[in-house]
Amino acid sequence: MIQKIRRWLLRLQWHQQHYEPHIEKSLDEHKCPYCKEVYVGNLCPQCGLKEGRDRLTAKTVGLNLMDLWGLGNRNAFVTMWHLLWRPGYMIADYLRGKSQAYFPPIALLVALCLIFTLLVNGLGIDFDNSQNIGEAIRTQMAQSQAQSQAQSIPDTPTDKILEEAMEAQVKSLADILEKMQAWSNSHLEQSLLIYNVLFILITSWVFRRSPRLGRLTLIENFYVQMFIDCQMMLIAIPYTLLTQSVARTEIYPYFIPSALALVILIYDFYQLCGFGLWRTVWKVLLMTVVYSLATGAITFIIVLIYVIVPPIIELIKADPPV
């Protein structure tokens, strides 16, 4: 039984790796109705007009409508299917020059983000009702206050002043973190851009060399990340419809649960880079840890700028030095 499953997995992997797009090539001779060029094939070598497009049909109308969304020049639905079935191998094919067979990732990501935003706003779907950062901090404050009140030793006035100052500072910190989370939720496009740029830089460092693709440049990693974002959006849309909420995750570019996002990233980079399974796992975990530390550092800098610096400035203005 185990041998049968192993052979089936090997056959599946072979089909995923050796996909070839089906292209119907015309062997007849054609005369281009536009430039009068006589040629054999599907496209006129002089002006690029496709064979058989001399008459307007219902298909022409459909393609023109899809062009409004940037979906008419290549098969976006085939690309989305490959992002779910063989994402890493498809991205590798695209980087190796088979870009004509797939839809451009940037245009596809814009379309999917637009669909996701319309879905969230149109259906009135709110972010998941898990406990936010501010509420978690307030809960910890309430627990610490209850523990201090349970102690028999009363607080001195100095301790009371310090406690009130610390409580005000923590409340201010919680308010800033809540505002940051609210801004990220209400500005999906901008937050996705910020977190994706950071994720691309970290991915470029962790997966800078691979057995299958060699050394990836920063621009190639940019296209890798765009395709992965498209894949995550394809999964986030049905997840949002089924749960009627947008998952809050530690992996910020992706609106799906963190555990699911980690599994998908391991699957993607395992196919894309050609590392062994366990080496791919620890590289993805390393990438996630570095990304979490980087986002934490950015959050700390924002809190430093908006929480700690303003009171100091106000103090300096109120009591200027002599």
C-alpha atoms as a PDB file:
ATOM      1  CA  MET A   1       0.000   0.000   0.000  1.00  0.00           C
ATOM      2  CA  ILE A   2       2.808   2.391   0.900  1.00  0.00           C
ATOM      3  CA  GLN A   3       4.600   1.535  -2.353  1.00  0.00           C
ATOM      4  CA  LYS A   4       1.445   2.323  -4.354  1.00  0.00           C
ATOM      5  CA  ILE A   5       1.068   5.703  -2.635  1.00  0.00           C
ATOM      6  CA  ARG A   6       4.742   6.458  -3.245  1.00  0.00           C
ATOM      7  CA  ARG A   7       4.460   5.574  -6.953  1.00  0.00           C
ATOM      8  CA  TRP A   8       1.320   7.696  -7.246  1.00  0.00           C
ATOM      9  CA  LEU A   9       3.095  10.669  -5.647  1.00  0.00           C
ATOM     10  CA  LEU A  10       6.064  10.234  -7.981  1.00  0.00           C
ATOM     11  CA  ARG A  11       3.748  10.173 -11.019  1.00  0.00           C
ATOM     12  CA  LEU A  12       1.962  13.296  -9.740  1.00  0.00           C
ATOM     13  CA  GLN A  13       5.274  15.079  -9.230  1.00  0.00           C
ATOM     14  CA  TRP A  14       6.428  14.083 -12.714  1.00  0.00           C
ATOM     15  CA  HIS A  15       3.258  15.526 -14.288  1.00  0.00           C
ATOM     16  CA  GLN A  16       3.662  18.703 -12.249  1.00  0.00           C
ATOM     17  CA  GLN A  17       7.263  19.156 -13.360  1.00  0.00           C
ATOM     18  CA  HIS A  18       6.816  18.286 -17.051  1.00  0.00           C
ATOM     19  CA  TYR A  19       3.744  20.325 -17.917  1.00  0.00           C
ATOM     20  CA  GLU A  20       3.715  21.620 -21.482  1.00  0.00           C
ATOM     21  CA  PRO A  21       1.054  24.090 -22.639  1.00  0.00           C
ATOM     22  CA  HIS A  22      -1.108  22.860 -25.480  1.00  0.00           C
ATOM     23  CA  ILE A  23      -0.642  25.060 -28.536  1.00  0.00           C
ATOM     24  CA  GLU A  24      -2.644  24.473 -31.692  1.00  0.00           C
ATOM     25  CA  LYS A  25      -0.404  25.492 -34.568  1.00  0.00           C
ATOM     26  CA  SER A  26      -1.951  26.183 -37.930  1.00  0.00           C
ATOM     27  CA  LEU A  27      -0.068  24.675 -40.868  1.00  0.00           C
ATOM     28  CA  ASP A  28      -2.198  26.391 -43.495  1.00  0.00           C
ATOM     29  CA  GLU A  29      -1.172  29.405 -45.510  1.00  0.00           C
ATOM     30  CA  HIS A  30      -2.943  32.650 -44.600  1.00  0.00           C
ATOM     31  CA  LYS A  31      -3.109  36.158 -45.982  1.00  0.00           C
ATOM     32  CA  CYS A  32      -3.267  38.890 -43.368  1.00  0.00           C
ATOM     33  CA  PRO A  33      -6.333  41.111 -43.945  1.00  0.00           C
ATOM     34  CA  TYR A  34      -4.476  44.110 -42.479  1.00  0.00           C
ATOM     35  CA  CYS A  35      -0.971  44.157 -44.006  1.00  0.00           C
ATOM     36  CA  LYS A  36      -1.572  41.559 -46.794  1.00  0.00           C
ATOM     37  CA  GLU A  37       1.380  39.475 -45.578  1.00  0.00           C
ATOM     38  CA  VAL A  38       1.254  35.791 -46.616  1.00  0.00           C
ATOM     39  CA  TYR A  39       2.378  33.504 -43.778  1.00  0.00           C
ATOM     40  CA  VAL A  40       2.026  30.035 -42.249  1.00  0.00           C
ATOM     41  CA  GLY A  41       1.176  29.810 -38.548  1.00  0.00           C
ATOM     42  CA  ASN A  42      -1.083  31.440 -36.001  1.00  0.00           C
ATOM     43  CA  LEU A  43       0.232  35.024 -36.031  1.00  0.00           C
ATOM     44  CA  CYS A  44       1.170  37.392 -38.810  1.00  0.00           C
ATOM     45  CA  PRO A  45       4.957  38.005 -38.529  1.00  0.00           C
ATOM     46  CA  GLN A  46       4.559  41.530 -39.910  1.00  0.00           C
ATOM     47  CA  CYS A  47       1.821  43.072 -37.742  1.00  0.00           C
ATOM     48  CA  GLY A  48       1.078  40.379 -35.147  1.00  0.00           C
ATOM     49  CA  LEU A  49      -2.599  39.909 -36.064  1.00  0.00           C
ATOM     50  CA  LYS A  50      -3.925  36.538 -34.932  1.00  0.00           C
ATOM     51  CA  GLU A  51      -5.179  34.162 -37.592  1.00  0.00           C
ATOM     52  CA  GLY A  52      -8.979  33.894 -37.619  1.00  0.00           C
ATOM     53  CA  ARG A  53      -9.586  37.290 -36.001  1.00  0.00           C
ATOM     54  CA  ASP A  54     -10.651  39.036 -39.211  1.00  0.00           C
ATOM     55  CA  ARG A  55     -14.370  38.777 -38.312  1.00  0.00           C
ATOM     56  CA  LEU A  56     -16.002  40.088 -35.144  1.00  0.00           C
ATOM     57  CA  THR A  57     -17.702  37.375 -33.125  1.00  0.00           C
ATOM     58  CA  ALA A  58     -19.222  36.927 -29.672  1.00  0.00           C
ATOM     59  CA  LYS A  59     -15.821  35.699 -28.505  1.00  0.00           C
ATOM     60  CA  THR A  60     -14.332  39.006 -29.630  1.00  0.00           C
ATOM     61  CA  VAL A  61     -16.829  40.881 -27.447  1.00  0.00           C
ATOM     62  CA  GLY A  62     -15.957  38.700 -24.452  1.00  0.00           C
ATOM     63  CA  LEU A  63     -12.217  39.222 -24.949  1.00  0.00           C
ATOM     64  CA  ASN A  64     -12.707  42.983 -25.278  1.00  0.00           C
ATOM     65  CA  LEU A  65     -14.651  43.049 -22.017  1.00  0.00           C
ATOM     66  CA  MET A  66     -11.927  41.026 -20.313  1.00  0.00           C
ATOM     67  CA  ASP A  67      -9.332  43.472 -21.652  1.00  0.00           C
ATOM     68  CA  LEU A  68     -10.912  46.117 -19.416  1.00  0.00           C
ATOM     69  CA  TRP A  69      -9.648  44.072 -16.456  1.00  0.00           C
ATOM     70  CA  GLY A  70      -6.398  43.071 -18.130  1.00  0.00           C
ATOM     71  CA  LEU A  71      -7.594  39.480 -18.544  1.00  0.00           C
ATOM     72  CA  GLY A  72      -7.998  39.220 -22.282  1.00  0.00           C
ATOM     73  CA  ASN A  73      -4.481  38.713 -23.580  1.00  0.00           C
ATOM     74  CA  ARG A  74      -3.645  35.440 -21.785  1.00  0.00           C
ATOM     75  CA  ASN A  75      -5.555  32.771 -19.933  1.00  0.00           C
ATOM     76  CA  ALA A  76      -5.837  34.009 -16.352  1.00  0.00           C
ATOM     77  CA  PHE A  77      -7.937  31.027 -15.281  1.00  0.00           C
ATOM     78  CA  VAL A  78      -5.272  28.530 -16.400  1.00  0.00           C
ATOM     79  CA  THR A  79      -2.695  30.524 -14.427  1.00  0.00           C
ATOM     80  CA  MET A  80      -4.886  30.458 -11.312  1.00  0.00           C
ATOM     81  CA  TRP A  81      -5.346  26.704 -11.657  1.00  0.00           C
ATOM     82  CA  HIS A  82      -1.581  26.177 -11.927  1.00  0.00           C
ATOM     83  CA  LEU A  83      -1.051  28.371  -8.851  1.00  0.00           C
ATOM     84  CA  LEU A  84      -3.123  25.864  -6.901  1.00  0.00           C
ATOM     85  CA  TRP A  85      -1.905  22.644  -8.567  1.00  0.00           C
ATOM     86  CA  ARG A  86       1.804  23.201  -9.314  1.00  0.00           C
ATOM     87  CA  PRO A  87       2.698  26.689  -8.003  1.00  0.00           C
ATOM     88  CA  GLY A  88       6.462  26.294  -7.574  1.00  0.00           C
ATOM     89  CA  TYR A  89       7.000  24.542 -10.911  1.00  0.00           C
ATOM     90  CA  MET A  90       4.817  27.124 -12.671  1.00  0.00           C
ATOM     91  CA  ILE A  91       6.808  30.015 -11.189  1.00  0.00           C
ATOM     92  CA  ALA A  92      10.038  28.283 -12.224  1.00  0.00           C
ATOM     93  CA  ASP A  93       8.694  27.924 -15.779  1.00  0.00           C
ATOM     94  CA  TYR A  94       7.828  31.620 -15.822  1.00  0.00           C
ATOM     95  CA  LEU A  95      11.314  32.626 -14.648  1.00  0.00           C
ATOM     96  CA  ARG A  96      12.921  30.348 -17.247  1.00  0.00           C
ATOM     97  CA  GLY A  97      11.221  32.199 -20.094  1.00  0.00           C
ATOM     98  CA  LYS A  98       7.855  30.461 -20.527  1.00  0.00           C
ATOM     99  CA  SER A  99       6.065  33.660 -19.588  1.00  0.00           C
ATOM    100  CA  GLN A 100       3.774  33.686 -22.624  1.00  0.00           C
ATOM    101  CA  ALA A 101       1.911  30.632 -21.331  1.00  0.00           C
ATOM    102  CA  TYR A 102       0.833  32.365 -18.107  1.00  0.00           C
ATOM    103  CA  PHE A 103      -0.875  35.550 -17.052  1.00  0.00           C
ATOM    104  CA  PRO A 104       1.337  38.419 -15.779  1.00  0.00           C
ATOM    105  CA  PRO A 105       1.451  38.219 -11.967  1.00  0.00           C
ATOM    106  CA  ILE A 106       1.182  41.946 -11.236  1.00  0.00           C
ATOM    107  CA  ALA A 107      -2.015  42.396 -13.253  1.00  0.00           C
ATOM    108  CA  LEU A 108      -3.464  39.216 -11.766  1.00  0.00           C
ATOM    109  CA  LEU A 109      -2.640  40.347  -8.213  1.00  0.00           C
ATOM    110  CA  VAL A 110      -4.285  43.739  -8.798  1.00  0.00           C
ATOM    111  CA  ALA A 111      -7.438  42.033 -10.083  1.00  0.00           C
ATOM    112  CA  LEU A 112      -7.546  39.578  -7.146  1.00  0.00           C
ATOM    113  CA  CYS A 113      -6.918  42.326  -4.577  1.00  0.00           C
ATOM    114  CA  LEU A 114      -9.736  44.338  -6.125  1.00  0.00           C
ATOM    115  CA  ILE A 115     -12.055  41.325  -5.939  1.00  0.00           C
ATOM    116  CA  PHE A 116     -11.006  40.691  -2.328  1.00  0.00           C
ATOM    117  CA  THR A 117     -11.575  44.330  -1.323  1.00  0.00           C
ATOM    118  CA  LEU A 118     -14.972  44.440  -3.026  1.00  0.00           C
ATOM    119  CA  LEU A 119     -15.862  41.179  -1.297  1.00  0.00           C
ATOM    120  CA  VAL A 120     -14.925  42.481   2.152  1.00  0.00           C
ATOM    121  CA  ASN A 121     -16.604  45.870   1.699  1.00  0.00           C
ATOM    122  CA  GLY A 122     -19.601  44.734  -0.343  1.00  0.00           C
ATOM    123  CA  LEU A 123     -20.664  41.901   1.955  1.00  0.00           C
ATOM    124  CA  GLY A 124     -19.862  43.867   5.108  1.00  0.00           C
ATOM    125  CA  ILE A 125     -17.353  41.244   6.243  1.00  0.00           C
ATOM    126  CA  ASP A 126     -15.349  42.373   9.240  1.00  0.00           C
ATOM    127  CA  PHE A 127     -11.982  41.148  10.383  1.00  0.00           C
ATOM    128  CA  ASP A 128     -12.166  38.094  12.611  1.00  0.00           C
ATOM    129  CA  ASN A 129     -13.377  38.657  16.141  1.00  0.00           C
ATOM    130  CA  SER A 130     -10.214  37.342  17.743  1.00  0.00           C
ATOM    131  CA  GLN A 131      -8.831  39.395  20.614  1.00  0.00           C
ATOM    132  CA  ASN A 132      -6.867  42.334  19.277  1.00  0.00           C
ATOM    133  CA  ILE A 133      -3.608  43.639  20.612  1.00  0.00           C
ATOM    134  CA  GLY A 134      -5.124  46.437  22.657  1.00  0.00           C
ATOM    135  CA  GLU A 135      -7.572  44.143  24.407  1.00  0.00           C
ATOM    136  CA  ALA A 136      -4.781  41.673  25.189  1.00  0.00           C
ATOM    137  CA  ILE A 137      -2.715  44.424  26.795  1.00  0.00           C
ATOM    138  CA  ARG A 138      -5.685  45.647  28.825  1.00  0.00           C
ATOM    139  CA  THR A 139      -6.377  42.110  30.002  1.00  0.00           C
ATOM    140  CA  GLN A 140      -2.799  41.733  31.171  1.00  0.00           C
ATOM    141  CA  MET A 141      -3.050  45.080  32.965  1.00  0.00           C
ATOM    142  CA  ALA A 142      -6.244  44.006  34.746  1.00  0.00           C
ATOM    143  CA  GLN A 143      -4.639  40.732  35.816  1.00  0.00           C
ATOM    144  CA  SER A 144      -1.543  42.487  37.154  1.00  0.00           C
ATOM    145  CA  GLN A 145      -3.701  44.988  39.064  1.00  0.00           C
ATOM    146  CA  ALA A 146      -5.741  42.184  40.596  1.00  0.00           C
ATOM    147  CA  GLN A 147      -2.564  40.435  41.714  1.00  0.00           C
ATOM    148  CA  SER A 148      -1.158  43.616  43.243  1.00  0.00           C
ATOM    149  CA  GLN A 149      -4.409  44.306  45.107  1.00  0.00           C
ATOM    150  CA  ALA A 150      -4.372  40.763  46.479  1.00  0.00           C
ATOM    151  CA  GLN A 151      -1.034  41.372  48.135  1.00  0.00           C
ATOM    152  CA  SER A 152      -1.071  42.426  51.779  1.00  0.00           C
ATOM    153  CA  ILE A 153       1.527  45.180  51.510  1.00  0.00           C
ATOM    154  CA  PRO A 154      -0.141  48.493  50.569  1.00  0.00           C
ATOM    155  CA  ASP A 155       1.309  50.630  47.843  1.00  0.00           C
ATOM    156  CA  THR A 156       3.275  53.725  48.827  1.00  0.00           C
ATOM    157  CA  PRO A 157       2.334  57.049  47.155  1.00  0.00           C
ATOM    158  CA  THR A 158       5.455  56.841  45.010  1.00  0.00           C
ATOM    159  CA  ASP A 159       4.538  53.359  43.812  1.00  0.00           C
ATOM    160  CA  LYS A 160       1.022  54.583  43.092  1.00  0.00           C
ATOM    161  CA  ILE A 161       2.330  57.425  40.945  1.00  0.00           C
ATOM    162  CA  LEU A 162       4.624  55.084  39.056  1.00  0.00           C
ATOM    163  CA  GLU A 163       1.778  52.617  38.579  1.00  0.00           C
ATOM    164  CA  GLU A 164      -0.519  55.324  37.191  1.00  0.00           C
ATOM    165  CA  ALA A 165       2.218  56.582  34.881  1.00  0.00           C
ATOM    166  CA  MET A 166       2.911  53.054  33.634  1.00  0.00           C
ATOM    167  CA  GLU A 167      -0.804  52.434  33.153  1.00  0.00           C
ATOM    168  CA  ALA A 168      -1.173  55.639  31.128  1.00  0.00           C
ATOM    169  CA  GLN A 169       1.853  54.697  29.018  1.00  0.00           C
ATOM    170  CA  VAL A 170       0.526  51.189  28.361  1.00  0.00           C
ATOM    171  CA  LYS A 171      -2.892  52.579  27.453  1.00  0.00           C
ATOM    172  CA  SER A 172      -1.240  54.979  25.041  1.00  0.00           C
ATOM    173  CA  LEU A 173       0.776  52.102  23.550  1.00  0.00           C
ATOM    174  CA  ALA A 174      -2.347  49.967  23.211  1.00  0.00           C
ATOM    175  CA  ASP A 175      -4.155  52.853  21.520  1.00  0.00           C
ATOM    176  CA  ILE A 176      -1.341  53.284  18.998  1.00  0.00           C
ATOM    177  CA  LEU A 177      -1.249  49.554  18.247  1.00  0.00           C
ATOM    178  CA  GLU A 178      -5.020  49.534  17.767  1.00  0.00           C
ATOM    179  CA  LYS A 179      -4.770  52.487  15.396  1.00  0.00           C
ATOM    180  CA  MET A 180      -2.014  50.726  13.447  1.00  0.00           C
ATOM    181  CA  GLN A 181      -4.150  47.592  13.160  1.00  0.00           C
ATOM    182  CA  ALA A 182      -7.196  49.646  12.143  1.00  0.00           C
ATOM    183  CA  TRP A 183      -5.180  51.472   9.485  1.00  0.00           C
ATOM    184  CA  SER A 184      -3.866  48.170   8.123  1.00  0.00           C
ATOM    185  CA  ASN A 185      -7.409  46.765   7.979  1.00  0.00           C
ATOM    186  CA  SER A 186      -8.851  49.818   6.235  1.00  0.00           C
ATOM    187  CA  HIS A 187      -5.921  50.284   3.821  1.00  0.00           C
ATOM    188  CA  LEU A 188      -5.410  46.777   2.490  1.00  0.00           C
ATOM    189  CA  GLU A 189      -3.567  47.868  -0.648  1.00  0.00           C
ATOM    190  CA  GLN A 190      -1.004  50.030   1.189  1.00  0.00           C
ATOM    191  CA  SER A 191      -0.403  47.506   3.969  1.00  0.00           C
ATOM    192  CA  LEU A 192       0.009  44.707   1.428  1.00  0.00           C
ATOM    193  CA  LEU A 193       2.573  46.809  -0.433  1.00  0.00           C
ATOM    194  CA  ILE A 194       4.612  47.557   2.707  1.00  0.00           C
ATOM    195  CA  TYR A 195       4.625  44.001   4.027  1.00  0.00           C
ATOM    196  CA  ASN A 196       5.287  42.497   0.590  1.00  0.00           C
ATOM    197  CA  VAL A 197       8.342  44.692   0.018  1.00  0.00           C
ATOM    198  CA  LEU A 198       9.719  43.546   3.366  1.00  0.00           C
ATOM    199  CA  PHE A 199       8.857  39.919   2.607  1.00  0.00           C
ATOM    200  CA  ILE A 200      10.578  40.119  -0.802  1.00  0.00           C
ATOM    201  CA  LEU A 201      13.803  41.420   0.760  1.00  0.00           C
ATOM    202  CA  ILE A 202      13.858  38.651   3.367  1.00  0.00           C
ATOM    203  CA  THR A 203      12.963  35.963   0.810  1.00  0.00           C
ATOM    204  CA  SER A 204      15.763  37.194  -1.455  1.00  0.00           C
ATOM    205  CA  TRP A 205      18.218  36.681   1.384  1.00  0.00           C
ATOM    206  CA  VAL A 206      16.993  33.267   2.628  1.00  0.00           C
ATOM    207  CA  PHE A 207      16.475  31.724  -0.848  1.00  0.00           C
ATOM    208  CA  ARG A 208      19.249  33.566  -2.672  1.00  0.00           C
ATOM    209  CA  ARG A 209      20.597  30.260  -4.085  1.00  0.00           C
ATOM    210  CA  SER A 210      18.714  27.108  -5.046  1.00  0.00           C
ATOM    211  CA  PRO A 211      19.546  23.827  -6.817  1.00  0.00           C
ATOM    212  CA  ARG A 212      16.804  24.275  -9.428  1.00  0.00           C
ATOM    213  CA  LEU A 213      17.145  27.957 -10.328  1.00  0.00           C
ATOM    214  CA  GLY A 214      20.634  28.891  -9.144  1.00  0.00           C
ATOM    215  CA  ARG A 215      21.033  32.435  -7.867  1.00  0.00           C
ATOM    216  CA  LEU A 216      17.812  34.450  -7.945  1.00  0.00           C
ATOM    217  CA  THR A 217      18.007  38.205  -8.419  1.00  0.00           C
ATOM    218  CA  LEU A 218      15.924  40.673  -6.456  1.00  0.00           C
ATOM    219  CA  ILE A 219      13.649  41.243  -9.464  1.00  0.00           C
ATOM    220  CA  GLU A 220      13.100  37.499  -9.894  1.00  0.00           C
ATOM    221  CA  ASN A 221      12.216  37.235  -6.215  1.00  0.00           C
ATOM    222  CA  PHE A 222       9.782  40.085  -6.767  1.00  0.00           C
ATOM    223  CA  TYR A 223       7.947  38.032  -9.412  1.00  0.00           C
ATOM    224  CA  VAL A 224       8.069  34.973  -7.153  1.00  0.00           C
ATOM    225  CA  GLN A 225       6.409  36.952  -4.383  1.00  0.00           C
ATOM    226  CA  MET A 226       3.770  38.357  -6.728  1.00  0.00           C
ATOM    227  CA  PHE A 227       2.771  34.855  -7.829  1.00  0.00           C
ATOM    228  CA  ILE A 228       2.666  33.616  -4.218  1.00  0.00           C
ATOM    229  CA  ASP A 229       0.507  36.605  -3.284  1.00  0.00           C
ATOM    230  CA  CYS A 230      -1.877  35.692  -6.096  1.00  0.00           C
ATOM    231  CA  GLN A 231      -2.019  32.134  -4.775  1.00  0.00           C
ATOM    232  CA  MET A 232      -2.709  33.307  -1.223  1.00  0.00           C
ATOM    233  CA  MET A 233      -5.425  35.649  -2.457  1.00  0.00           C
ATOM    234  CA  LEU A 234      -7.048  32.782  -4.367  1.00  0.00           C
ATOM    235  CA  ILE A 235      -7.212  30.855  -1.090  1.00  0.00           C
ATOM    236  CA  ALA A 236      -8.191  33.865   1.029  1.00  0.00           C
ATOM    237  CA  ILE A 237     -11.254  34.667  -1.095  1.00  0.00           C
ATOM    238  CA  PRO A 238     -13.114  31.339  -0.521  1.00  0.00           C
ATOM    239  CA  TYR A 239     -11.861  31.280   3.094  1.00  0.00           C
ATOM    240  CA  THR A 240     -13.406  34.706   3.662  1.00  0.00           C
ATOM    241  CA  LEU A 241     -16.675  33.624   2.052  1.00  0.00           C
ATOM    242  CA  LEU A 242     -16.898  30.456   4.155  1.00  0.00           C
ATOM    243  CA  THR A 243     -15.958  32.009   7.499  1.00  0.00           C
ATOM    244  CA  GLN A 244     -17.462  35.487   6.891  1.00  0.00           C
ATOM    245  CA  SER A 245     -14.298  36.972   8.399  1.00  0.00           C
ATOM    246  CA  VAL A 246     -10.801  37.962   7.364  1.00  0.00           C
ATOM    247  CA  ALA A 247      -8.145  35.990   9.200  1.00  0.00           C
ATOM    248  CA  ARG A 248      -5.753  37.994  11.295  1.00  0.00           C
ATOM    249  CA  THR A 249      -2.375  36.343  10.919  1.00  0.00           C
ATOM    250  CA  GLU A 250       1.204  36.820  12.031  1.00  0.00           C
ATOM    251  CA  ILE A 251       2.275  36.535   8.365  1.00  0.00           C
ATOM    252  CA  TYR A 252       0.810  39.915   7.453  1.00  0.00           C
ATOM    253  CA  PRO A 253       0.698  39.837   3.631  1.00  0.00           C
ATOM    254  CA  TYR A 254      -1.670  36.853   3.731  1.00  0.00           C
ATOM    255  CA  PHE A 255      -5.248  36.956   5.012  1.00  0.00           C
ATOM    256  CA  ILE A 256      -5.405  33.267   5.881  1.00  0.00           C
ATOM    257  CA  PRO A 257      -4.463  31.468   9.126  1.00  0.00           C
ATOM    258  CA  SER A 258      -0.731  31.444   9.845  1.00  0.00           C
ATOM    259  CA  ALA A 259      -0.463  27.651  10.025  1.00  0.00           C
ATOM    260  CA  LEU A 260      -2.085  27.302   6.590  1.00  0.00           C
ATOM    261  CA  ALA A 261       0.139  30.033   5.151  1.00  0.00           C
ATOM    262  CA  LEU A 262       3.274  28.263   6.443  1.00  0.00           C
ATOM    263  CA  VAL A 263       2.220  24.966   4.861  1.00  0.00           C
ATOM    264  CA  ILE A 264       1.571  26.700   1.531  1.00  0.00           C
ATOM    265  CA  LEU A 265       4.925  28.505   1.629  1.00  0.00           C
ATOM    266  CA  ILE A 266       6.748  25.234   2.307  1.00  0.00           C
ATOM    267  CA  TYR A 267       4.892  23.611  -0.602  1.00  0.00           C
ATOM    268  CA  ASP A 268       5.702  26.522  -2.936  1.00  0.00           C
ATOM    269  CA  PHE A 269       9.415  26.801  -2.168  1.00  0.00           C
ATOM    270  CA  TYR A 270       9.839  23.009  -2.137  1.00  0.00           C
ATOM    271  CA  GLN A 271       8.699  22.929  -5.762  1.00  0.00           C
ATOM    272  CA  LEU A 272      10.379  26.184  -6.771  1.00  0.00           C
ATOM    273  CA  CYS A 273      13.886  25.841  -5.350  1.00  0.00           C
ATOM    274  CA  GLY A 274      14.505  22.093  -5.421  1.00  0.00           C
ATOM    275  CA  PHE A 275      15.749  21.773  -1.845  1.00  0.00           C
ATOM    276  CA  GLY A 276      14.907  18.702   0.215  1.00  0.00           C
ATOM    277  CA  LEU A 277      11.726  18.807   2.259  1.00  0.00           C
ATOM    278  CA  TRP A 278      13.325  19.342   5.669  1.00  0.00           C
ATOM    279  CA  ARG A 279      15.741  21.960   4.408  1.00  0.00           C
ATOM    280  CA  THR A 280      12.832  23.808   2.832  1.00  0.00           C
ATOM    281  CA  VAL A 281      10.944  23.616   6.141  1.00  0.00           C
ATOM    282  CA  TRP A 282      13.709  25.175   8.213  1.00  0.00           C
ATOM    283  CA  LYS A 283      14.395  27.844   5.581  1.00  0.00           C
ATOM    284  CA  VAL A 284      10.716  28.853   5.567  1.00  0.00           C
ATOM    285  CA  LEU A 285      10.701  28.884   9.378  1.00  0.00           C
ATOM    286  CA  LEU A 286      13.870  31.008   9.370  1.00  0.00           C
ATOM    287  CA  MET A 287      12.263  33.381   6.868  1.00  0.00           C
ATOM    288  CA  THR A 288       9.153  33.645   9.062  1.00  0.00           C
ATOM    289  CA  VAL A 289      11.169  34.341  12.229  1.00  0.00           C
ATOM    290  CA  VAL A 290      13.283  37.027  10.528  1.00  0.00           C
ATOM    291  CA  TYR A 291      10.150  38.558   9.033  1.00  0.00           C
ATOM    292  CA  SER A 292       8.417  38.627  12.437  1.00  0.00           C
ATOM    293  CA  LEU A 293      11.466  40.290  14.012  1.00  0.00           C
ATOM    294  CA  ALA A 294      11.627  42.840  11.205  1.00  0.00           C
ATOM    295  CA  THR A 295       7.931  43.724  11.486  1.00  0.00           C
ATOM    296  CA  GLY A 296       8.348  43.926  15.257  1.00  0.00           C
ATOM    297  CA  ALA A 297      11.254  46.349  14.806  1.00  0.00           C
ATOM    298  CA  ILE A 298       9.185  48.475  12.439  1.00  0.00           C
ATOM    299  CA  THR A 299       6.305  48.469  14.937  1.00  0.00           C
ATOM    300  CA  PHE A 300       8.703  49.488  17.723  1.00  0.00           C
ATOM    301  CA  ILE A 301      10.038  52.378  15.626  1.00  0.00           C
ATOM    302  CA  ILE A 302       6.501  53.589  14.878  1.00  0.00           C
ATOM    303  CA  VAL A 303       5.556  53.352  18.547  1.00  0.00           C
ATOM    304  CA  LEU A 304       8.778  55.146  19.480  1.00  0.00           C
ATOM    305  CA  ILE A 305       7.975  57.981  17.092  1.00  0.00           C
ATOM    306  CA  TYR A 306       4.290  58.374  17.979  1.00  0.00           C
ATOM    307  CA  VAL A 307       4.263  57.476  21.712  1.00  0.00           C
ATOM    308  CA  ILE A 308       7.584  58.359  23.323  1.00  0.00           C
ATOM    309  CA  VAL A 309       8.851  61.274  21.245  1.00  0.00           C
ATOM    310  CA  PRO A 310       5.728  63.558  21.351  1.00  0.00           C
ATOM    311  CA  PRO A 311       5.664  63.834  25.194  1.00  0.00           C
ATOM    312  CA  ILE A 312       9.357  64.728  25.179  1.00  0.00           C
ATOM    313  CA  ILE A 313       8.751  67.420  22.568  1.00  0.00           C
ATOM    314  CA  GLU A 314       5.820  68.799  24.547  1.00  0.00           C
ATOM    315  CA  LEU A 315       7.959  68.844  27.695  1.00  0.00           C
ATOM    316  CA  ILE A 316      10.702  70.739  25.912  1.00  0.00           C
ATOM    317  CA  LYS A 317       8.204  73.275  24.552  1.00  0.00           C
ATOM    318  CA  ALA A 318       6.555  73.754  27.939  1.00  0.00           C
ATOM    319  CA  ASP A 319       9.849  74.228  29.835  1.00  0.00           C
ATOM    320  CA  PRO A 320      12.473  75.557  27.417  1.00  0.00           C
ATOM    321  CA  PRO A 321      16.047  75.553  28.641  1.00  0.00           C
ATOM    322  CA  VAL A 322      17.400  78.812  30.052  1.00  0.00           C
END
